[in-house]
Structure formats: structure tokens, C-alpha cells
């Protein structure tokens, strides 16, 4: 699993994930994702467009990250999950806890509105 961070011009942070969020993949990014989401208040978009598989351990990392951000006054949204990942988010109702969007502009606008 690969992870990269982009700083968007409007003050948002975009975290790009690529690979499988199974046990191995999640272990590869868990610490880095935790650092990005738990140290300070931030508004983060997690791009799941290149995540091809999501296991429960991956869901746990996303929920834990969302909780850490919200405790610091920040928030997180998910962007463009592949159909198989979107189905997992829907079946586990994670999409009711962390909002999911299919385009970057909509995700950015929603994230800013959530935090105003």
C-alpha cells in the first residue's frame, strides 16, 4: 500500500492511498495516516480511487482517523472509492459515519461546510 499527501490550495489536505487495505497494506500506512490525522486540526480528503480492496482492519484505520480529527476540531471525507470498496463502505455503514464523495470539488466544498 502506498500513501502520498498533497496540500491543496484551499487549505485542505488530500491523502492518496493506493493498493489493498488488508492487514499488510494497512500496516504499511497506519502510522503515517495516524500522524497526518491526529497531531493537529486538519480538513482531510482521503482519496480511495486506487484502493482495490478494503478489509475490516482498513475500515478501523479510517474510523480511528476520523475520530482523532474530530476530537481536534477537524474532519475527514472519503473520495472516489472503487465500486467494490464503495460496497464495503455501504454494507458496514461507514459511509454514514464518514461522508463519501465522487468528485474532488464536491468533497472540498462539503468538508469546508461541515467545519464552518
PDB file of N, CA and C in Angstrom:
ATOM      1  N   UNK A   1       0.855  -1.169   0.000  1.00  0.00           N
ATOM      2  CA  UNK A   1       0.000   0.000   0.000  1.00  0.00           C
ATOM      3  C   UNK A   1       0.898   1.228   0.000  1.00  0.00           C
ATOM      4  N   UNK A   2       0.567   2.168  -0.871  1.00  0.00           N
ATOM      5  CA  UNK A   2       1.303   3.424  -0.961  1.00  0.00           C
ATOM      6  C   UNK A   2       0.435   4.573  -0.457  1.00  0.00           C
ATOM      7  N   UNK A   3       1.101   5.581   0.074  1.00  0.00           N
ATOM      8  CA  UNK A   3       0.389   6.761   0.558  1.00  0.00           C
ATOM      9  C   UNK A   3       1.188   8.001   0.202  1.00  0.00           C
ATOM     10  N   UNK A   4       0.481   8.997  -0.318  1.00  0.00           N
ATOM     11  CA  UNK A   4       1.112  10.289  -0.560  1.00  0.00           C
ATOM     12  C   UNK A   4       0.171  11.376  -0.057  1.00  0.00           C
ATOM     13  N   UNK A   5       0.740  12.543   0.253  1.00  0.00           N
ATOM     14  CA  UNK A   5      -0.036  13.654   0.797  1.00  0.00           C
ATOM     15  C   UNK A   5       0.125  14.851  -0.123  1.00  0.00           C
ATOM     16  N   UNK A   6      -0.996  15.493  -0.439  1.00  0.00           N
ATOM     17  CA  UNK A   6      -0.999  16.731  -1.218  1.00  0.00           C
ATOM     18  C   UNK A   6      -1.625  17.821  -0.362  1.00  0.00           C
ATOM     19  N   UNK A   7      -1.072  19.009  -0.463  1.00  0.00           N
ATOM     20  CA  UNK A   7      -1.655  20.159   0.211  1.00  0.00           C
ATOM     21  C   UNK A   7      -2.366  20.974  -0.849  1.00  0.00           C
ATOM     22  N   UNK A   8      -3.682  21.036  -0.766  1.00  0.00           N
ATOM     23  CA  UNK A   8      -4.481  21.734  -1.757  1.00  0.00           C
ATOM     24  C   UNK A   8      -4.473  23.226  -1.484  1.00  0.00           C
ATOM     25  N   UNK A   9      -4.723  24.003  -2.513  1.00  0.00           N
ATOM     26  CA  UNK A   9      -4.607  25.466  -2.409  1.00  0.00           C
ATOM     27  C   UNK A   9      -5.592  26.084  -1.424  1.00  0.00           C
ATOM     28  N   UNK A  10      -6.687  25.405  -1.141  1.00  0.00           N
ATOM     29  CA  UNK A  10      -7.685  25.972  -0.236  1.00  0.00           C
ATOM     30  C   UNK A  10      -7.498  25.536   1.212  1.00  0.00           C
ATOM     31  N   UNK A  11      -6.307  25.076   1.557  1.00  0.00           N
ATOM     32  CA  UNK A  11      -6.001  24.716   2.938  1.00  0.00           C
ATOM     33  C   UNK A  11      -6.366  23.289   3.317  1.00  0.00           C
ATOM     34  N   UNK A  12      -6.913  22.549   2.384  1.00  0.00           N
ATOM     35  CA  UNK A  12      -7.254  21.156   2.653  1.00  0.00           C
ATOM     36  C   UNK A  12      -6.048  20.270   2.384  1.00  0.00           C
ATOM     37  N   UNK A  13      -6.059  19.112   3.020  1.00  0.00           N
ATOM     38  CA  UNK A  13      -5.017  18.122   2.804  1.00  0.00           C
ATOM     39  C   UNK A  13      -5.666  16.922   2.106  1.00  0.00           C
ATOM     40  N   UNK A  14      -5.024  16.430   1.057  1.00  0.00           N
ATOM     41  CA  UNK A  14      -5.535  15.259   0.330  1.00  0.00           C
ATOM     42  C   UNK A  14      -4.540  14.124   0.505  1.00  0.00           C
ATOM     43  N   UNK A  15      -5.035  13.022   1.074  1.00  0.00           N
ATOM     44  CA  UNK A  15      -4.212  11.835   1.259  1.00  0.00           C
ATOM     45  C   UNK A  15      -4.616  10.821   0.197  1.00  0.00           C
ATOM     46  N   UNK A  16      -3.650  10.420  -0.614  1.00  0.00           N
ATOM     47  CA  UNK A  16      -3.884   9.468  -1.697  1.00  0.00           C
ATOM     48  C   UNK A  16      -3.399   8.090  -1.264  1.00  0.00           C
ATOM     49  N   UNK A  17      -4.302   7.137  -1.299  1.00  0.00           N
ATOM     50  CA  UNK A  17      -3.949   5.756  -0.955  1.00  0.00           C
ATOM     51  C   UNK A  17      -4.001   4.901  -2.209  1.00  0.00           C
ATOM     52  N   UNK A  18      -3.079   3.954  -2.313  1.00  0.00           N
ATOM     53  CA  UNK A  18      -3.037   3.073  -3.474  1.00  0.00           C
ATOM     54  C   UNK A  18      -2.670   1.671  -3.021  1.00  0.00           C
ATOM     55  N   UNK A  19      -3.498   0.684  -3.411  1.00  0.00           N
ATOM     56  CA  UNK A  19      -3.209  -0.701  -3.081  1.00  0.00           C
ATOM     57  C   UNK A  19      -4.365  -1.364  -2.360  1.00  0.00           C
ATOM     58  N   UNK A  20      -4.017  -2.283  -1.476  1.00  0.00           N
ATOM     59  CA  UNK A  20      -5.015  -3.056  -0.748  1.00  0.00           C
ATOM     60  C   UNK A  20      -4.972  -2.692   0.734  1.00  0.00           C
ATOM     61  N   UNK A  21      -6.126  -2.345   1.280  1.00  0.00           N
ATOM     62  CA  UNK A  21      -6.203  -2.068   2.712  1.00  0.00           C
ATOM     63  C   UNK A  21      -6.573  -3.359   3.450  1.00  0.00           C
ATOM     64  N   UNK A  22      -5.682  -4.321   3.314  1.00  0.00           N
ATOM     65  CA  UNK A  22      -5.788  -5.560   4.068  1.00  0.00           C
ATOM     66  C   UNK A  22      -4.803  -5.443   5.232  1.00  0.00           C
ATOM     67  N   UNK A  23      -4.483  -6.530   5.901  1.00  0.00           N
ATOM     68  CA  UNK A  23      -3.590  -6.453   7.063  1.00  0.00           C
ATOM     69  C   UNK A  23      -2.233  -5.879   6.682  1.00  0.00           C
ATOM     70  N   UNK A  24      -1.628  -6.416   5.642  1.00  0.00           N
ATOM     71  CA  UNK A  24      -0.308  -5.935   5.221  1.00  0.00           C
ATOM     72  C   UNK A  24      -0.352  -4.490   4.761  1.00  0.00           C
ATOM     73  N   UNK A  25      -1.304  -4.173   3.902  1.00  0.00           N
ATOM     74  CA  UNK A  25      -1.405  -2.826   3.355  1.00  0.00           C
ATOM     75  C   UNK A  25      -1.679  -1.789   4.420  1.00  0.00           C
ATOM     76  N   UNK A  26      -2.550  -2.126   5.323  1.00  0.00           N
ATOM     77  CA  UNK A  26      -2.897  -1.184   6.386  1.00  0.00           C
ATOM     78  C   UNK A  26      -1.714  -0.951   7.312  1.00  0.00           C
ATOM     79  N   UNK A  27      -0.964  -2.001   7.610  1.00  0.00           N
ATOM     80  CA  UNK A  27       0.228  -1.842   8.453  1.00  0.00           C
ATOM     81  C   UNK A  27       1.236  -0.906   7.795  1.00  0.00           C
ATOM     82  N   UNK A  28       1.281  -0.922   6.467  1.00  0.00           N
ATOM     83  CA  UNK A  28       2.240  -0.087   5.739  1.00  0.00           C
ATOM     84  C   UNK A  28       1.922   1.404   5.855  1.00  0.00           C
ATOM     85  N   UNK A  29       0.662   1.759   6.055  1.00  0.00           N
ATOM     86  CA  UNK A  29       0.290   3.180   6.090  1.00  0.00           C
ATOM     87  C   UNK A  29      -0.315   3.638   7.416  1.00  0.00           C
ATOM     88  N   UNK A  30      -0.580   2.740   8.321  1.00  0.00           N
ATOM     89  CA  UNK A  30      -1.291   3.078   9.558  1.00  0.00           C
ATOM     90  C   UNK A  30      -0.603   4.191  10.341  1.00  0.00           C
ATOM     91  N   UNK A  31       0.667   4.075  10.602  1.00  0.00           N
ATOM     92  CA  UNK A  31       1.377   5.076  11.393  1.00  0.00           C
ATOM     93  C   UNK A  31       1.390   6.421  10.673  1.00  0.00           C
ATOM     94  N   UNK A  32       1.698   6.417   9.395  1.00  0.00           N
ATOM     95  CA  UNK A  32       1.740   7.677   8.636  1.00  0.00           C
ATOM     96  C   UNK A  32       0.367   8.346   8.599  1.00  0.00           C
ATOM     97  N   UNK A  33      -0.683   7.546   8.395  1.00  0.00           N
ATOM     98  CA  UNK A  33      -2.036   8.101   8.370  1.00  0.00           C
ATOM     99  C   UNK A  33      -2.416   8.635   9.748  1.00  0.00           C
ATOM    100  N   UNK A  34      -2.044   7.928  10.786  1.00  0.00           N
ATOM    101  CA  UNK A  34      -2.320   8.390  12.151  1.00  0.00           C
ATOM    102  C   UNK A  34      -1.634   9.713  12.429  1.00  0.00           C
ATOM    103  N   UNK A  35      -0.409   9.860  11.986  1.00  0.00           N
ATOM    104  CA  UNK A  35       0.320  11.117  12.189  1.00  0.00           C
ATOM    105  C   UNK A  35      -0.384  12.258  11.458  1.00  0.00           C
ATOM    106  N   UNK A  36      -0.813  12.009  10.239  1.00  0.00           N
ATOM    107  CA  UNK A  36      -1.473  13.049   9.448  1.00  0.00           C
ATOM    108  C   UNK A  36      -2.818  13.469  10.045  1.00  0.00           C
ATOM    109  N   UNK A  37      -3.473  12.562  10.753  1.00  0.00           N
ATOM    110  CA  UNK A  37      -4.826  12.848  11.234  1.00  0.00           C
ATOM    111  C   UNK A  37      -4.930  13.138  12.718  1.00  0.00           C
ATOM    112  N   UNK A  38      -3.882  12.893  13.493  1.00  0.00           N
ATOM    113  CA  UNK A  38      -4.056  13.027  14.940  1.00  0.00           C
ATOM    114  C   UNK A  38      -3.200  14.100  15.589  1.00  0.00           C
ATOM    115  N   UNK A  39      -2.284  14.693  14.885  1.00  0.00           N
ATOM    116  CA  UNK A  39      -1.392  15.660  15.516  1.00  0.00           C
ATOM    117  C   UNK A  39      -2.020  17.036  15.636  1.00  0.00           C
ATOM    118  N   UNK A  40      -2.757  17.460  14.625  1.00  0.00           N
ATOM    119  CA  UNK A  40      -3.334  18.804  14.656  1.00  0.00           C
ATOM    120  C   UNK A  40      -4.677  18.824  13.941  1.00  0.00           C
ATOM    121  N   UNK A  41      -5.395  19.917  14.149  1.00  0.00           N
ATOM    122  CA  UNK A  41      -6.663  20.106  13.458  1.00  0.00           C
ATOM    123  C   UNK A  41      -6.380  20.169  11.962  1.00  0.00           C
ATOM    124  N   UNK A  42      -7.160  19.434  11.186  1.00  0.00           N
ATOM    125  CA  UNK A  42      -6.981  19.429   9.740  1.00  0.00           C
ATOM    126  C   UNK A  42      -8.290  19.056   9.070  1.00  0.00           C
ATOM    127  N   UNK A  43      -8.403  19.458   7.827  1.00  0.00           N
ATOM    128  CA  UNK A  43      -9.514  19.055   6.971  1.00  0.00           C
ATOM    129  C   UNK A  43      -8.902  18.170   5.897  1.00  0.00           C
ATOM    130  N   UNK A  44      -9.278  16.900   5.906  1.00  0.00           N
ATOM    131  CA  UNK A  44      -8.594  15.911   5.069  1.00  0.00           C
ATOM    132  C   UNK A  44      -9.562  15.184   4.149  1.00  0.00           C
ATOM    133  N   UNK A  45      -9.122  15.048   2.911  1.00  0.00           N
ATOM    134  CA  UNK A  45      -9.821  14.227   1.914  1.00  0.00           C
ATOM    135  C   UNK A  45      -8.951  12.998   1.697  1.00  0.00           C
ATOM    136  N   UNK A  46      -9.515  11.817   1.909  1.00  0.00           N
ATOM    137  CA  UNK A  46      -8.786  10.571   1.663  1.00  0.00           C
ATOM    138  C   UNK A  46      -9.263  10.019   0.326  1.00  0.00           C
ATOM    139  N   UNK A  47      -8.371  10.022  -0.651  1.00  0.00           N
ATOM    140  CA  UNK A  47      -8.682   9.538  -1.997  1.00  0.00           C
ATOM    141  C   UNK A  47      -8.517   8.018  -2.028  1.00  0.00           C
ATOM    142  N   UNK A  48      -9.642   7.339  -2.240  1.00  0.00           N
ATOM    143  CA  UNK A  48      -9.645   5.871  -2.282  1.00  0.00           C
ATOM    144  C   UNK A  48      -9.738   5.334  -3.705  1.00  0.00           C
ATOM    145  N   UNK A  49      -9.567   6.177  -4.700  1.00  0.00           N
ATOM    146  CA  UNK A  49      -9.783   5.764  -6.088  1.00  0.00           C
ATOM    147  C   UNK A  49      -8.826   4.665  -6.544  1.00  0.00           C
ATOM    148  N   UNK A  50      -7.691   4.531  -5.896  1.00  0.00           N
ATOM    149  CA  UNK A  50      -6.729   3.493  -6.273  1.00  0.00           C
ATOM    150  C   UNK A  50      -6.622   2.379  -5.229  1.00  0.00           C
ATOM    151  N   UNK A  51      -7.583   2.350  -4.309  1.00  0.00           N
ATOM    152  CA  UNK A  51      -7.648   1.260  -3.320  1.00  0.00           C
ATOM    153  C   UNK A  51      -8.544   0.178  -3.905  1.00  0.00           C
ATOM    154  N   UNK A  52      -7.972  -0.993  -4.114  1.00  0.00           N
ATOM    155  CA  UNK A  52      -8.700  -2.061  -4.790  1.00  0.00           C
ATOM    156  C   UNK A  52      -9.384  -3.056  -3.851  1.00  0.00           C
ATOM    157  N   UNK A  53      -9.078  -2.967  -2.550  1.00  0.00           N
ATOM    158  CA  UNK A  53      -9.666  -3.892  -1.579  1.00  0.00           C
ATOM    159  C   UNK A  53      -9.664  -3.223  -0.213  1.00  0.00           C
ATOM    160  N   UNK A  54     -10.739  -3.443   0.547  1.00  0.00           N
ATOM    161  CA  UNK A  54     -10.854  -2.849   1.884  1.00  0.00           C
ATOM    162  C   UNK A  54     -11.297  -3.938   2.861  1.00  0.00           C
ATOM    163  N   UNK A  55     -10.429  -4.272   3.791  1.00  0.00           N
ATOM    164  CA  UNK A  55     -10.761  -5.235   4.839  1.00  0.00           C
ATOM    165  C   UNK A  55     -11.182  -4.470   6.099  1.00  0.00           C
ATOM    166  N   UNK A  56     -11.665  -5.201   7.088  1.00  0.00           N
ATOM    167  CA  UNK A  56     -12.133  -4.563   8.317  1.00  0.00           C
ATOM    168  C   UNK A  56     -11.019  -3.782   9.011  1.00  0.00           C
ATOM    169  N   UNK A  57      -9.797  -4.239   8.908  1.00  0.00           N
ATOM    170  CA  UNK A  57      -8.686  -3.532   9.531  1.00  0.00           C
ATOM    171  C   UNK A  57      -8.503  -2.156   8.873  1.00  0.00           C
ATOM    172  N   UNK A  58      -8.728  -2.069   7.582  1.00  0.00           N
ATOM    173  CA  UNK A  58      -8.669  -0.790   6.878  1.00  0.00           C
ATOM    174  C   UNK A  58      -9.792   0.133   7.300  1.00  0.00           C
ATOM    175  N   UNK A  59     -10.980  -0.431   7.466  1.00  0.00           N
ATOM    176  CA  UNK A  59     -12.113   0.360   7.948  1.00  0.00           C
ATOM    177  C   UNK A  59     -11.814   0.935   9.329  1.00  0.00           C
ATOM    178  N   UNK A  60     -11.204   0.124  10.173  1.00  0.00           N
ATOM    179  CA  UNK A  60     -10.856   0.567  11.519  1.00  0.00           C
ATOM    180  C   UNK A  60      -9.899   1.748  11.501  1.00  0.00           C
ATOM    181  N   UNK A  61      -8.937   1.714  10.608  1.00  0.00           N
ATOM    182  CA  UNK A  61      -7.978   2.818  10.491  1.00  0.00           C
ATOM    183  C   UNK A  61      -8.700   4.098  10.063  1.00  0.00           C
ATOM    184  N   UNK A  62      -9.619   3.992   9.112  1.00  0.00           N
ATOM    185  CA  UNK A  62     -10.355   5.170   8.650  1.00  0.00           C
ATOM    186  C   UNK A  62     -11.220   5.756   9.765  1.00  0.00           C
ATOM    187  N   UNK A  63     -11.917   4.901  10.502  1.00  0.00           N
ATOM    188  CA  UNK A  63     -12.783   5.372  11.582  1.00  0.00           C
ATOM    189  C   UNK A  63     -11.949   5.984  12.708  1.00  0.00           C
ATOM    190  N   UNK A  64     -10.861   5.354  13.051  1.00  0.00           N
ATOM    191  CA  UNK A  64      -9.982   5.884  14.102  1.00  0.00           C
ATOM    192  C   UNK A  64      -9.413   7.246  13.694  1.00  0.00           C
ATOM    193  N   UNK A  65      -9.036   7.375  12.432  1.00  0.00           N
ATOM    194  CA  UNK A  65      -8.520   8.649  11.921  1.00  0.00           C
ATOM    195  C   UNK A  65      -9.588   9.737  11.979  1.00  0.00           C
ATOM    196  N   UNK A  66     -10.809   9.389  11.583  1.00  0.00           N
ATOM    197  CA  UNK A  66     -11.921  10.354  11.616  1.00  0.00           C
ATOM    198  C   UNK A  66     -12.178  10.811  13.048  1.00  0.00           C
ATOM    199  N   UNK A  67     -12.168   9.871  13.979  1.00  0.00           N
ATOM    200  CA  UNK A  67     -12.417  10.209  15.385  1.00  0.00           C
ATOM    201  C   UNK A  67     -11.329  11.135  15.923  1.00  0.00           C
ATOM    202  N   UNK A  68     -10.071  10.833  15.606  1.00  0.00           N
ATOM    203  CA  UNK A  68      -8.960  11.663  16.070  1.00  0.00           C
ATOM    204  C   UNK A  68      -9.069  13.083  15.518  1.00  0.00           C
ATOM    205  N   UNK A  69      -9.414  13.203  14.253  1.00  0.00           N
ATOM    206  CA  UNK A  69      -9.556  14.532  13.644  1.00  0.00           C
ATOM    207  C   UNK A  69     -10.692  15.310  14.282  1.00  0.00           C
ATOM    208  N   UNK A  70     -11.814  14.665  14.477  1.00  0.00           N
ATOM    209  CA  UNK A  70     -12.978  15.349  15.040  1.00  0.00           C
ATOM    210  C   UNK A  70     -12.722  15.805  16.472  1.00  0.00           C
ATOM    211  N   UNK A  71     -11.945  15.046  17.227  1.00  0.00           N
ATOM    212  CA  UNK A  71     -11.597  15.454  18.588  1.00  0.00           C
ATOM    213  C   UNK A  71     -10.765  16.734  18.603  1.00  0.00           C
ATOM    214  N   UNK A  72     -10.065  17.004  17.503  1.00  0.00           N
ATOM    215  CA  UNK A  72      -9.236  18.199  17.398  1.00  0.00           C
ATOM    216  C   UNK A  72      -9.909  19.315  16.604  1.00  0.00           C
ATOM    217  N   UNK A  73     -11.195  19.134  16.277  1.00  0.00           N
ATOM    218  CA  UNK A  73     -11.927  20.154  15.547  1.00  0.00           C
ATOM    219  C   UNK A  73     -11.795  20.075  14.045  1.00  0.00           C
ATOM    220  N   UNK A  74     -11.185  19.026  13.545  1.00  0.00           N
ATOM    221  CA  UNK A  74     -11.039  18.815  12.105  1.00  0.00           C
ATOM    222  C   UNK A  74     -12.084  17.849  11.590  1.00  0.00           C
ATOM    223  N   UNK A  75     -11.896  17.411  10.370  1.00  0.00           N
ATOM    224  CA  UNK A  75     -12.816  16.425   9.799  1.00  0.00           C
ATOM    225  C   UNK A  75     -12.167  15.731   8.617  1.00  0.00           C
ATOM    226  N   UNK A  76     -12.816  14.675   8.174  1.00  0.00           N
ATOM    227  CA  UNK A  76     -12.307  13.842   7.093  1.00  0.00           C
ATOM    228  C   UNK A  76     -13.476  13.415   6.213  1.00  0.00           C
ATOM    229  N   UNK A  77     -13.226  13.331   4.920  1.00  0.00           N
ATOM    230  CA  UNK A  77     -14.182  12.751   3.977  1.00  0.00           C
ATOM    231  C   UNK A  77     -13.427  11.782   3.080  1.00  0.00           C
ATOM    232  N   UNK A  78     -14.178  10.902   2.465  1.00  0.00           N
ATOM    233  CA  UNK A  78     -13.592   9.918   1.551  1.00  0.00           C
ATOM    234  C   UNK A  78     -13.945  10.302   0.125  1.00  0.00           C
ATOM    235  N   UNK A  79     -13.040  10.006  -0.797  1.00  0.00           N
ATOM    236  CA  UNK A  79     -13.211  10.401  -2.191  1.00  0.00           C
ATOM    237  C   UNK A  79     -13.082   9.213  -3.129  1.00  0.00           C
ATOM    238  N   UNK A  80     -14.035   9.083  -4.018  1.00  0.00           N
ATOM    239  CA  UNK A  80     -13.987   8.193  -5.184  1.00  0.00           C
ATOM    240  C   UNK A  80     -13.588   6.744  -4.921  1.00  0.00           C
ATOM    241  N   UNK A  81     -14.260   6.068  -3.995  1.00  0.00           N
ATOM    242  CA  UNK A  81     -13.916   4.658  -3.811  1.00  0.00           C
ATOM    243  C   UNK A  81     -14.311   3.842  -5.044  1.00  0.00           C
ATOM    244  N   UNK A  82     -13.515   2.840  -5.360  1.00  0.00           N
ATOM    245  CA  UNK A  82     -13.870   1.905  -6.437  1.00  0.00           C
ATOM    246  C   UNK A  82     -15.143   1.181  -6.022  1.00  0.00           C
ATOM    247  N   UNK A  83     -15.899   0.645  -6.980  1.00  0.00           N
ATOM    248  CA  UNK A  83     -17.189   0.010  -6.653  1.00  0.00           C
ATOM    249  C   UNK A  83     -17.114  -1.038  -5.542  1.00  0.00           C
ATOM    250  N   UNK A  84     -16.105  -1.879  -5.545  1.00  0.00           N
ATOM    251  CA  UNK A  84     -16.012  -2.919  -4.514  1.00  0.00           C
ATOM    252  C   UNK A  84     -15.764  -2.296  -3.137  1.00  0.00           C
ATOM    253  N   UNK A  85     -14.982  -1.230  -3.083  1.00  0.00           N
ATOM    254  CA  UNK A  85     -14.717  -0.546  -1.814  1.00  0.00           C
ATOM    255  C   UNK A  85     -15.959   0.236  -1.374  1.00  0.00           C
ATOM    256  N   UNK A  86     -16.631   0.867  -2.323  1.00  0.00           N
ATOM    257  CA  UNK A  86     -17.863   1.601  -2.009  1.00  0.00           C
ATOM    258  C   UNK A  86     -18.900   0.661  -1.407  1.00  0.00           C
ATOM    259  N   UNK A  87     -18.976  -0.549  -1.929  1.00  0.00           N
ATOM    260  CA  UNK A  87     -19.925  -1.539  -1.411  1.00  0.00           C
ATOM    261  C   UNK A  87     -19.583  -1.907   0.032  1.00  0.00           C
ATOM    262  N   UNK A  88     -18.322  -2.080   0.329  1.00  0.00           N
ATOM    263  CA  UNK A  88     -17.893  -2.384   1.699  1.00  0.00           C
ATOM    264  C   UNK A  88     -18.256  -1.226   2.628  1.00  0.00           C
ATOM    265  N   UNK A  89     -18.010   0.003   2.182  1.00  0.00           N
ATOM    266  CA  UNK A  89     -18.348   1.174   2.995  1.00  0.00           C
ATOM    267  C   UNK A  89     -19.852   1.240   3.257  1.00  0.00           C
ATOM    268  N   UNK A  90     -20.626   0.897   2.244  1.00  0.00           N
ATOM    269  CA  UNK A  90     -22.082   0.924   2.385  1.00  0.00           C
ATOM    270  C   UNK A  90     -22.585  -0.208   3.286  1.00  0.00           C
ATOM    271  N   UNK A  91     -22.109  -1.413   3.059  1.00  0.00           N
ATOM    272  CA  UNK A  91     -22.571  -2.577   3.839  1.00  0.00           C
ATOM    273  C   UNK A  91     -22.222  -2.450   5.320  1.00  0.00           C
ATOM    274  N   UNK A  92     -21.090  -1.825   5.608  1.00  0.00           N
ATOM    275  CA  UNK A  92     -20.670  -1.669   7.005  1.00  0.00           C
ATOM    276  C   UNK A  92     -21.157  -0.351   7.604  1.00  0.00           C
ATOM    277  N   UNK A  93     -21.822   0.433   6.796  1.00  0.00           N
ATOM    278  CA  UNK A  93     -22.372   1.741   7.174  1.00  0.00           C
ATOM    279  C   UNK A  93     -21.310   2.761   7.573  1.00  0.00           C
ATOM    280  N   UNK A  94     -20.098   2.542   7.148  1.00  0.00           N
ATOM    281  CA  UNK A  94     -19.042   3.521   7.385  1.00  0.00           C
ATOM    282  C   UNK A  94     -19.393   4.818   6.658  1.00  0.00           C
ATOM    283  N   UNK A  95     -20.083   4.703   5.519  1.00  0.00           N
ATOM    284  CA  UNK A  95     -20.478   5.896   4.761  1.00  0.00           C
ATOM    285  C   UNK A  95     -21.469   6.772   5.532  1.00  0.00           C
ATOM    286  N   UNK A  96     -22.030   6.264   6.616  1.00  0.00           N
ATOM    287  CA  UNK A  96     -22.905   7.065   7.472  1.00  0.00           C
ATOM    288  C   UNK A  96     -22.101   7.794   8.557  1.00  0.00           C
ATOM    289  N   UNK A  97     -20.879   7.351   8.765  1.00  0.00           N
ATOM    290  CA  UNK A  97     -20.002   7.943   9.771  1.00  0.00           C
ATOM    291  C   UNK A  97     -19.001   8.904   9.123  1.00  0.00           C
ATOM    292  N   UNK A  98     -18.534   8.530   7.941  1.00  0.00           N
ATOM    293  CA  UNK A  98     -17.591   9.352   7.179  1.00  0.00           C
ATOM    294  C   UNK A  98     -18.212   9.573   5.803  1.00  0.00           C
ATOM    295  N   UNK A  99     -18.438  10.816   5.456  1.00  0.00           N
ATOM    296  CA  UNK A  99     -19.068  11.127   4.170  1.00  0.00           C
ATOM    297  C   UNK A  99     -18.187  10.700   3.004  1.00  0.00           C
ATOM    298  N   UNK A 100     -18.852  10.248   1.932  1.00  0.00           N
ATOM    299  CA  UNK A 100     -18.168   9.773   0.733  1.00  0.00           C
ATOM    300  C   UNK A 100     -18.624  10.617  -0.450  1.00  0.00           C
ATOM    301  N   UNK A 101     -17.665  11.076  -1.247  1.00  0.00           N
ATOM    302  CA  UNK A 101     -17.960  11.897  -2.424  1.00  0.00           C
ATOM    303  C   UNK A 101     -17.248  11.321  -3.638  1.00  0.00           C
ATOM    304  N   UNK A 102     -17.795  11.625  -4.811  1.00  0.00           N
ATOM    305  CA  UNK A 102     -17.216  11.088  -6.040  1.00  0.00           C
ATOM    306  C   UNK A 102     -16.432  12.089  -6.853  1.00  0.00           C
ATOM    307  N   UNK A 103     -16.399  13.355  -6.439  1.00  0.00           N
ATOM    308  CA  UNK A 103     -15.523  14.292  -7.137  1.00  0.00           C
ATOM    309  C   UNK A 103     -14.888  15.250  -6.136  1.00  0.00           C
ATOM    310  N   UNK A 104     -13.707  15.692  -6.475  1.00  0.00           N
ATOM    311  CA  UNK A 104     -12.881  16.471  -5.556  1.00  0.00           C
ATOM    312  C   UNK A 104     -13.525  17.803  -5.187  1.00  0.00           C
ATOM    313  N   UNK A 105     -14.122  18.490  -6.152  1.00  0.00           N
ATOM    314  CA  UNK A 105     -14.740  19.788  -5.849  1.00  0.00           C
ATOM    315  C   UNK A 105     -15.879  19.647  -4.857  1.00  0.00           C
ATOM    316  N   UNK A 106     -16.730  18.659  -5.050  1.00  0.00           N
ATOM    317  CA  UNK A 106     -17.850  18.435  -4.135  1.00  0.00           C
ATOM    318  C   UNK A 106     -17.335  18.058  -2.747  1.00  0.00           C
ATOM    319  N   UNK A 107     -16.322  17.205  -2.697  1.00  0.00           N
ATOM    320  CA  UNK A 107     -15.741  16.798  -1.415  1.00  0.00           C
ATOM    321  C   UNK A 107     -15.138  18.000  -0.689  1.00  0.00           C
ATOM    322  N   UNK A 108     -14.433  18.849  -1.429  1.00  0.00           N
ATOM    323  CA  UNK A 108     -13.814  20.040  -0.832  1.00  0.00           C
ATOM    324  C   UNK A 108     -14.861  20.991  -0.279  1.00  0.00           C
ATOM    325  N   UNK A 109     -15.888  21.257  -1.067  1.00  0.00           N
ATOM    326  CA  UNK A 109     -16.959  22.159  -0.624  1.00  0.00           C
ATOM    327  C   UNK A 109     -17.664  21.619   0.614  1.00  0.00           C
ATOM    328  N   UNK A 110     -17.984  20.332   0.583  1.00  0.00           N
ATOM    329  CA  UNK A 110     -18.682  19.715   1.717  1.00  0.00           C
ATOM    330  C   UNK A 110     -17.823  19.751   2.979  1.00  0.00           C
ATOM    331  N   UNK A 111     -16.565  19.482   2.846  1.00  0.00           N
ATOM    332  CA  UNK A 111     -15.664  19.472   4.001  1.00  0.00           C
ATOM    333  C   UNK A 111     -15.563  20.862   4.612  1.00  0.00           C
ATOM    334  N   UNK A 112     -15.481  21.876   3.785  1.00  0.00           N
ATOM    335  CA  UNK A 112     -15.439  23.250   4.299  1.00  0.00           C
ATOM    336  C   UNK A 112     -16.740  23.621   4.996  1.00  0.00           C
ATOM    337  N   UNK A 113     -17.878  23.196   4.440  1.00  0.00           N
ATOM    338  CA  UNK A 113     -19.184  23.498   5.044  1.00  0.00           C
ATOM    339  C   UNK A 113     -19.368  22.800   6.386  1.00  0.00           C
ATOM    340  N   UNK A 114     -18.908  21.561   6.469  1.00  0.00           N
ATOM    341  CA  UNK A 114     -19.011  20.786   7.704  1.00  0.00           C
ATOM    342  C   UNK A 114     -18.322  21.529   8.842  1.00  0.00           C
ATOM    343  N   UNK A 115     -17.261  22.224   8.523  1.00  0.00           N
ATOM    344  CA  UNK A 115     -16.420  22.844   9.546  1.00  0.00           C
ATOM    345  C   UNK A 115     -16.588  24.351   9.653  1.00  0.00           C
ATOM    346  N   UNK A 116     -17.731  24.883   9.230  1.00  0.00           N
ATOM    347  CA  UNK A 116     -17.956  26.329   9.390  1.00  0.00           C
ATOM    348  C   UNK A 116     -18.941  26.578  10.498  1.00  0.00           C
TER     349      UNK A 116
END
